[in-house]
C-alpha atoms as a PDB file:
ATOM      1  CA  MET A   1      26.361-101.982  24.629  1.00  0.00           C
ATOM      2  CA  GLN A   2      25.679-100.810  21.069  1.00  0.00           C
ATOM      3  CA  GLN A   3      22.769 -98.540  20.399  1.00  0.00           C
ATOM      4  CA  THR A   4      20.063 -99.785  18.075  1.00  0.00           C
ATOM      5  CA  HIS A   5      20.772 -97.234  15.314  1.00  0.00           C
ATOM      6  CA  ASP A   6      24.416 -98.382  15.166  1.00  0.00           C
ATOM      7  CA  ILE A   7      23.341-102.003  14.826  1.00  0.00           C
ATOM      8  CA  ALA A   8      21.050-101.225  11.922  1.00  0.00           C
ATOM      9  CA  GLY A   9      23.938 -99.531  10.087  1.00  0.00           C
ATOM     10  CA  LEU A  10      22.452 -96.053  10.443  1.00  0.00           C
ATOM     11  CA  SER A  11      24.706 -93.185  11.285  1.00  0.00           C
ATOM     12  CA  THR A  12      23.671 -90.601  13.782  1.00  0.00           C
ATOM     13  CA  GLN A  13      22.271 -87.486  12.175  1.00  0.00           C
ATOM     14  CA  PRO A  14      22.779 -84.084  13.715  1.00  0.00           C
ATOM     15  CA  GLY A  15      19.680 -82.036  14.404  1.00  0.00           C
ATOM     16  CA  PRO A  16      18.507 -79.509  11.847  1.00  0.00           C
ATOM     17  CA  ALA A  17      20.746 -76.478  11.588  1.00  0.00           C
ATOM     18  CA  ARG A  18      19.384 -73.291  13.042  1.00  0.00           C
ATOM     19  CA  ASP A  19      19.174 -70.657  10.363  1.00  0.00           C
ATOM     20  CA  ARG A  20      17.600 -67.958  12.476  1.00  0.00           C
ATOM     21  CA  SER A  21      18.505 -66.133  15.593  1.00  0.00           C
ATOM     22  CA  GLY A  22      16.222 -66.373  18.572  1.00  0.00           C
ATOM     23  CA  LYS A  23      15.012 -62.812  18.090  1.00  0.00           C
ATOM     24  CA  PRO A  24      11.848 -62.135  16.109  1.00  0.00           C
ATOM     25  CA  VAL A  25      12.113 -59.811  13.120  1.00  0.00           C
ATOM     26  CA  PRO A  26      10.505 -56.425  13.872  1.00  0.00           C
ATOM     27  CA  ALA A  27       7.071 -56.006  12.262  1.00  0.00           C
ATOM     28  CA  ARG A  28       7.874 -53.213   9.778  1.00  0.00           C
ATOM     29  CA  ILE A  29      11.044 -54.921   8.608  1.00  0.00           C
ATOM     30  CA  ALA A  30       9.127 -58.196   8.216  1.00  0.00           C
ATOM     31  CA  ALA A  31       6.496 -56.414   6.104  1.00  0.00           C
ATOM     32  CA  VAL A  32       9.162 -54.949   3.805  1.00  0.00           C
ATOM     33  CA  LEU A  33      10.882 -58.347   3.539  1.00  0.00           C
ATOM     34  CA  VAL A  34       7.598 -59.890   2.353  1.00  0.00           C
ATOM     35  CA  LEU A  35       7.298 -57.185  -0.318  1.00  0.00           C
ATOM     36  CA  LEU A  36      10.895 -57.822  -1.379  1.00  0.00           C
ATOM     37  CA  ASP A  37      10.215 -61.563  -1.715  1.00  0.00           C
ATOM     38  CA  ILE A  38       7.236 -60.854  -3.983  1.00  0.00           C
ATOM     39  CA  LEU A  39       9.248 -58.399  -6.082  1.00  0.00           C
ATOM     40  CA  PHE A  40      12.150 -60.859  -6.307  1.00  0.00           C
ATOM     41  CA  ASN A  41       9.861 -63.652  -7.540  1.00  0.00           C
ATOM     42  CA  TYR A  42       8.283 -61.304 -10.095  1.00  0.00           C
ATOM     43  CA  ALA A  43      11.676 -60.107 -11.369  1.00  0.00           C
ATOM     44  CA  SER A  44      13.072 -63.640 -11.539  1.00  0.00           C
ATOM     45  CA  HIS A  45      10.070 -64.892 -13.496  1.00  0.00           C
ATOM     46  CA  LEU A  46      10.126 -61.935 -15.871  1.00  0.00           C
ATOM     47  CA  THR A  47      13.867 -62.351 -16.451  1.00  0.00           C
ATOM     48  CA  ALA A  48      13.460 -66.059 -17.173  1.00  0.00           C
ATOM     49  CA  THR A  49      10.602 -65.583 -19.644  1.00  0.00           C
ATOM     50  CA  LEU A  50      11.446 -62.223 -21.217  1.00  0.00           C
ATOM     51  CA  ARG A  51      13.381 -63.584 -24.191  1.00  0.00           C
ATOM     52  CA  TYR A  52      10.322 -65.587 -25.251  1.00  0.00           C
ATOM     53  CA  ARG A  53       7.961 -62.711 -24.563  1.00  0.00           C
ATOM     54  CA  ALA A  54      10.097 -60.283 -26.580  1.00  0.00           C
ATOM     55  CA  ALA A  55       9.376 -62.317 -29.708  1.00  0.00           C
ATOM     56  CA  ALA A  56       5.687 -62.645 -28.893  1.00  0.00           C
ATOM     57  CA  ARG A  57       2.872 -60.330 -29.687  1.00  0.00           C
ATOM     58  CA  GLY A  58       2.122 -57.857 -26.923  1.00  0.00           C
ATOM     59  CA  PHE A  59       5.733 -57.308 -25.849  1.00  0.00           C
ATOM     60  CA  SER A  60       5.117 -53.573 -26.060  1.00  0.00           C
ATOM     61  CA  SER A  61       2.717 -53.842 -23.114  1.00  0.00           C
ATOM     62  CA  ILE A  62       5.664 -55.015 -20.974  1.00  0.00           C
ATOM     63  CA  ALA A  63       8.260 -52.714 -22.559  1.00  0.00           C
ATOM     64  CA  GLN A  64       6.215 -49.577 -21.927  1.00  0.00           C
ATOM     65  CA  PHE A  65       6.937 -49.805 -18.196  1.00  0.00           C
ATOM     66  CA  PHE A  66      10.674 -49.789 -18.859  1.00  0.00           C
ATOM     67  CA  GLY A  67      10.597 -46.872 -21.287  1.00  0.00           C
ATOM     68  CA  THR A  68      12.345 -48.876 -23.993  1.00  0.00           C
ATOM     69  CA  ALA A  69      11.821 -51.919 -26.182  1.00  0.00           C
ATOM     70  CA  GLY A  70      15.523 -52.791 -26.100  1.00  0.00           C
ATOM     71  CA  LEU A  71      15.802 -56.262 -24.600  1.00  0.00           C
ATOM     72  CA  PRO A  72      19.423 -55.837 -23.343  1.00  0.00           C
ATOM     73  CA  VAL A  73      18.462 -52.639 -21.506  1.00  0.00           C
ATOM     74  CA  ILE A  74      15.397 -54.237 -19.915  1.00  0.00           C
ATOM     75  CA  LEU A  75      17.399 -57.288 -18.846  1.00  0.00           C
ATOM     76  CA  ALA A  76      20.113 -55.050 -17.353  1.00  0.00           C
ATOM     77  CA  ARG A  77      17.518 -53.087 -15.373  1.00  0.00           C
ATOM     78  CA  LEU A  78      15.970 -56.314 -14.118  1.00  0.00           C
ATOM     79  CA  ALA A  79      19.418 -57.591 -13.087  1.00  0.00           C
ATOM     80  CA  ARG A  80      20.159 -54.351 -11.237  1.00  0.00           C
ATOM     81  CA  GLY A  81      16.719 -54.514  -9.590  1.00  0.00           C
ATOM     82  CA  ILE A  82      17.385 -58.053  -8.370  1.00  0.00           C
ATOM     83  CA  LEU A  83      20.749 -56.936  -6.981  1.00  0.00           C
ATOM     84  CA  ARG A  84      19.049 -54.015  -5.218  1.00  0.00           C
ATOM     85  CA  ILE A  85      16.513 -56.420  -3.679  1.00  0.00           C
ATOM     86  CA  GLN A  86      19.309 -58.632  -2.377  1.00  0.00           C
ATOM     87  CA  ALA A  87      21.246 -55.641  -1.014  1.00  0.00           C
ATOM     88  CA  LEU A  88      18.191 -54.167   0.712  1.00  0.00           C
ATOM     89  CA  ARG A  89      17.339 -57.553   2.165  1.00  0.00           C
ATOM     90  CA  ARG A  90      20.852 -57.845   3.645  1.00  0.00           C
ATOM     91  CA  VAL A  91      20.648 -54.327   5.092  1.00  0.00           C
ATOM     92  CA  LEU A  92      17.241 -55.014   6.656  1.00  0.00           C
ATOM     93  CA  LEU A  93      18.285 -58.368   8.125  1.00  0.00           C
ATOM     94  CA  ALA A  94      21.392 -56.765   9.653  1.00  0.00           C
ATOM     95  CA  ARG A  95      19.186 -54.060  11.123  1.00  0.00           C
ATOM     96  CA  ALA A  96      16.775 -56.656  12.522  1.00  0.00           C
ATOM     97  CA  GLU A  97      19.703 -58.583  14.009  1.00  0.00           C
ATOM     98  CA  ARG A  98      20.654 -55.438  15.946  1.00  0.00           C
ATOM     99  CA  GLY A  99      17.030 -55.185  17.151  1.00  0.00           C
ATOM    100  CA  ARG A 100      16.339 -51.930  15.304  1.00  0.00           C
ATOM    101  CA  GLU A 101      12.923 -51.355  13.741  1.00  0.00           C
ATOM    102  CA  LEU A 102      12.166 -49.120  10.768  1.00  0.00           C
ATOM    103  CA  VAL A 103      10.853 -45.731  11.801  1.00  0.00           C
ATOM    104  CA  ALA A 104       8.286 -43.884   9.731  1.00  0.00           C
ATOM    105  CA  ILE A 105       9.531 -40.402   9.006  1.00  0.00           C
ATOM    106  CA  GLN A 106       6.926 -37.734   9.600  1.00  0.00           C
ATOM    107  CA  ARG A 107       6.968 -35.114   6.918  1.00  0.00           C
ATOM    108  CA  ARG A 108       7.171 -31.573   8.153  1.00  0.00           C
ATOM    109  CA  LYS A 109       4.254 -29.368   7.400  1.00  0.00           C
ATOM    110  CA  ARG A 110       5.027 -25.920   6.186  1.00  0.00           C
ATOM    111  CA  ALA A 111       3.781 -23.166   8.377  1.00  0.00           C
ATOM    112  CA  GLU A 112       0.890 -21.473   6.686  1.00  0.00           C
ATOM    113  CA  PRO A 113       0.990 -17.691   6.688  1.00  0.00           C
ATOM    114  CA  ARG A 114      -1.747 -15.930   8.526  1.00  0.00           C
ATOM    115  CA  PRO A 115      -4.551 -14.898   6.205  1.00  0.00           C
ATOM    116  CA  GLY A 116      -4.323 -11.349   4.951  1.00  0.00           C
ATOM    117  CA  LEU A 117      -0.687 -10.947   5.962  1.00  0.00           C
ATOM    118  CA  LYS A 118       1.539  -9.745   3.118  1.00  0.00           C
ATOM    119  CA  LEU A 119       5.106  -8.751   3.422  1.00  0.00           C
ATOM    120  CA  PRO A 120       5.901  -5.330   2.035  1.00  0.00           C
ATOM    121  CA  GLN A 121       7.620  -5.372  -1.341  1.00  0.00           C
ATOM    122  CA  PRO A 122      10.102  -2.736  -2.432  1.00  0.00           C
ATOM    123  CA  PRO A 123       8.773  -0.716  -5.361  1.00  0.00           C
ATOM    124  CA  ASP A 124      11.364  -2.000  -7.831  1.00  0.00           C
ATOM    125  CA  ALA A 125      11.037  -5.681  -6.833  1.00  0.00           C
ATOM    126  CA  ARG A 126      10.317  -8.194  -9.529  1.00  0.00           C
ATOM    127  CA  PRO A 127       7.675 -10.816  -8.923  1.00  0.00           C
ATOM    128  CA  GLU A 128       9.190 -13.976  -7.510  1.00  0.00           C
ATOM    129  CA  THR A 129       9.798 -16.755  -9.942  1.00  0.00           C
ATOM    130  CA  PRO A 130       9.088 -20.215  -8.629  1.00  0.00           C
ATOM    131  CA  PRO A 131      12.127 -22.395  -8.037  1.00  0.00           C
ATOM    132  CA  PRO A 132      12.883 -24.920 -10.745  1.00  0.00           C
ATOM    133  CA  ALA A 133      11.023 -28.183 -10.401  1.00  0.00           C
ATOM    134  CA  ARG A 134      12.934 -31.016  -8.789  1.00  0.00           C
ATOM    135  CA  THR A 135      13.878 -33.540 -11.357  1.00  0.00           C
ATOM    136  CA  GLY A 136      14.603 -36.389  -8.980  1.00  0.00           C
ATOM    137  CA  ARG A 137      17.541 -38.734  -9.161  1.00  0.00           C
ATOM    138  CA  THR A 138      18.731 -39.340 -12.670  1.00  0.00           C
ATOM    139  CA  ASP A 139      21.249 -42.037 -11.797  1.00  0.00           C
ATOM    140  CA  ALA A 140      18.487 -44.497 -10.868  1.00  0.00           C
ATOM    141  CA  ASP A 141      16.578 -43.751 -14.073  1.00  0.00           C
ATOM    142  CA  GLU A 142      19.489 -44.260 -16.434  1.00  0.00           C
ATOM    143  CA  ALA A 143      19.825 -47.588 -18.177  1.00  0.00           C
ATOM    144  CA  PRO A 144      22.635 -49.576 -16.581  1.00  0.00           C
ATOM    145  CA  ASP A 145      25.533 -50.940 -18.572  1.00  0.00           C
ATOM    146  CA  PRO A 146      24.974 -54.731 -18.646  1.00  0.00           C
ATOM    147  CA  ALA A 147      28.728 -55.345 -18.494  1.00  0.00           C
ATOM    148  CA  ASN A 148      29.217 -52.957 -15.552  1.00  0.00           C
ATOM    149  CA  LEU A 149      26.415 -53.594 -13.084  1.00  0.00           C
ATOM    150  CA  PRO A 150      27.067 -52.345  -9.559  1.00  0.00           C
ATOM    151  CA  THR A 151      28.210 -54.897  -7.021  1.00  0.00           C
ATOM    152  CA  LEU A 152      26.131 -56.011  -4.086  1.00  0.00           C
ATOM    153  CA  GLU A 153      28.481 -54.167  -1.719  1.00  0.00           C
ATOM    154  CA  GLN A 154      28.173 -50.915  -3.696  1.00  0.00           C
ATOM    155  CA  LEU A 155      24.386 -51.146  -3.609  1.00  0.00           C
ATOM    156  CA  GLU A 156      24.392 -51.890   0.131  1.00  0.00           C
ATOM    157  CA  ALA A 157      26.516 -48.800   0.741  1.00  0.00           C
ATOM    158  CA  GLU A 158      24.128 -46.724  -1.383  1.00  0.00           C
ATOM    159  CA  ILE A 159      21.090 -48.077   0.494  1.00  0.00           C
ATOM    160  CA  ARG A 160      22.656 -47.280   3.870  1.00  0.00           C
ATOM    161  CA  ARG A 161      23.117 -43.629   2.815  1.00  0.00           C
ATOM    162  CA  HIS A 162      19.453 -43.110   1.866  1.00  0.00           C
ATOM    163  CA  PRO A 163      16.010 -43.804   3.326  1.00  0.00           C
ATOM    164  CA  ILE A 164      14.626 -47.320   2.815  1.00  0.00           C
ATOM    165  CA  GLY A 165      11.684 -45.887   0.856  1.00  0.00           C
ATOM    166  CA  GLN A 166      14.077 -44.481  -1.722  1.00  0.00           C
ATOM    167  CA  ALA A 167      15.649 -47.927  -2.157  1.00  0.00           C
ATOM    168  CA  MET A 168      12.165 -49.403  -2.636  1.00  0.00           C
ATOM    169  CA  ALA A 169      11.371 -46.753  -5.259  1.00  0.00           C
ATOM    170  CA  ASP A 170      14.650 -47.509  -7.082  1.00  0.00           C
ATOM    171  CA  ILE A 171      13.756 -51.210  -7.120  1.00  0.00           C
ATOM    172  CA  CYS A 172      10.310 -50.461  -8.529  1.00  0.00           C
ATOM    173  CA  ARG A 173      11.829 -48.290 -11.275  1.00  0.00           C
ATOM    174  CA  ASP A 174      14.318 -51.006 -12.182  1.00  0.00           C
ATOM    175  CA  LEU A 175      11.590 -53.655 -12.341  1.00  0.00           C
ATOM    176  CA  GLY A 176       9.155 -51.443 -14.241  1.00  0.00           C
ATOM    177  CA  ILE A 177       6.585 -51.681 -11.435  1.00  0.00           C
ATOM    178  CA  SER A 178       3.512 -49.514 -11.831  1.00  0.00           C
ATOM    179  CA  ALA A 179       0.183 -49.248 -10.036  1.00  0.00           C
ATOM    180  CA  ARG A 180      -1.472 -50.630 -13.179  1.00  0.00           C
ATOM    181  CA  LEU A 181       0.519 -53.862 -12.822  1.00  0.00           C
ATOM    182  CA  CYS A 182      -0.266 -54.440  -9.158  1.00  0.00           C
ATOM    183  CA  GLU A 183      -3.229 -55.793  -7.277  1.00  0.00           C
ATOM    184  CA  GLY A 184      -4.739 -53.040  -5.108  1.00  0.00           C
ATOM    185  CA  ASN A 185      -3.668 -54.269  -1.664  1.00  0.00           C
ATOM    186  CA  PHE A 186      -0.138 -55.036  -2.834  1.00  0.00           C
ATOM    187  CA  TRP A 187       0.205 -51.579  -4.385  1.00  0.00           C
ATOM    188  CA  THR A 188      -1.032 -49.980  -1.159  1.00  0.00           C
ATOM    189  CA  GLU A 189       1.560 -51.891   0.887  1.00  0.00           C
ATOM    190  CA  LEU A 190       4.281 -51.051  -1.621  1.00  0.00           C
ATOM    191  CA  TYR A 191       3.305 -47.379  -1.689  1.00  0.00           C
ATOM    192  CA  GLN A 192       3.333 -47.216   2.115  1.00  0.00           C
ATOM    193  CA  ALA A 193       6.801 -48.790   2.201  1.00  0.00           C
ATOM    194  CA  ILE A 194       8.048 -46.189  -0.261  1.00  0.00           C
ATOM    195  CA  ALA A 195       6.385 -43.278   1.528  1.00  0.00           C
END
């Protein structure tokens, strides 16, 4: 006996494909993924409209967050930022698949010396000079070569070697994200993800 959908000339359709595993995404990873989606949409929109904005009045208000008015440099940084977002997303989803949650790193507090305690100094000792200030990572601040952007695999390897917050900070630098550009709650969430 033929089934009614065969008689009507309709083919059987398979059920919708499952695109997710049965495991829920851990809460902290899910929160970072939401931030990455927002940053990706922002970067995609800015990339798509930047050529028109560069010719318009007020372009300097956008360019100031990139430290240059050079359109090729800004576009290269946006492209690298989008690649970083995709790489971080892949790293986080792989971590979630293994059932591992992000762990907030507690910063160590320096032991405070007891009040009034001074170590004896030799008579010919010079006063201590403070150590040079940390300059941070210069490789993330440099303008990328548009013809030689890093690959997704290279960025994933870099992200795996460093804390997730550092990857978030690199993305924000590439996209020219600043507290002045963000709504208060979003900036707080972004800052917490970086910290």
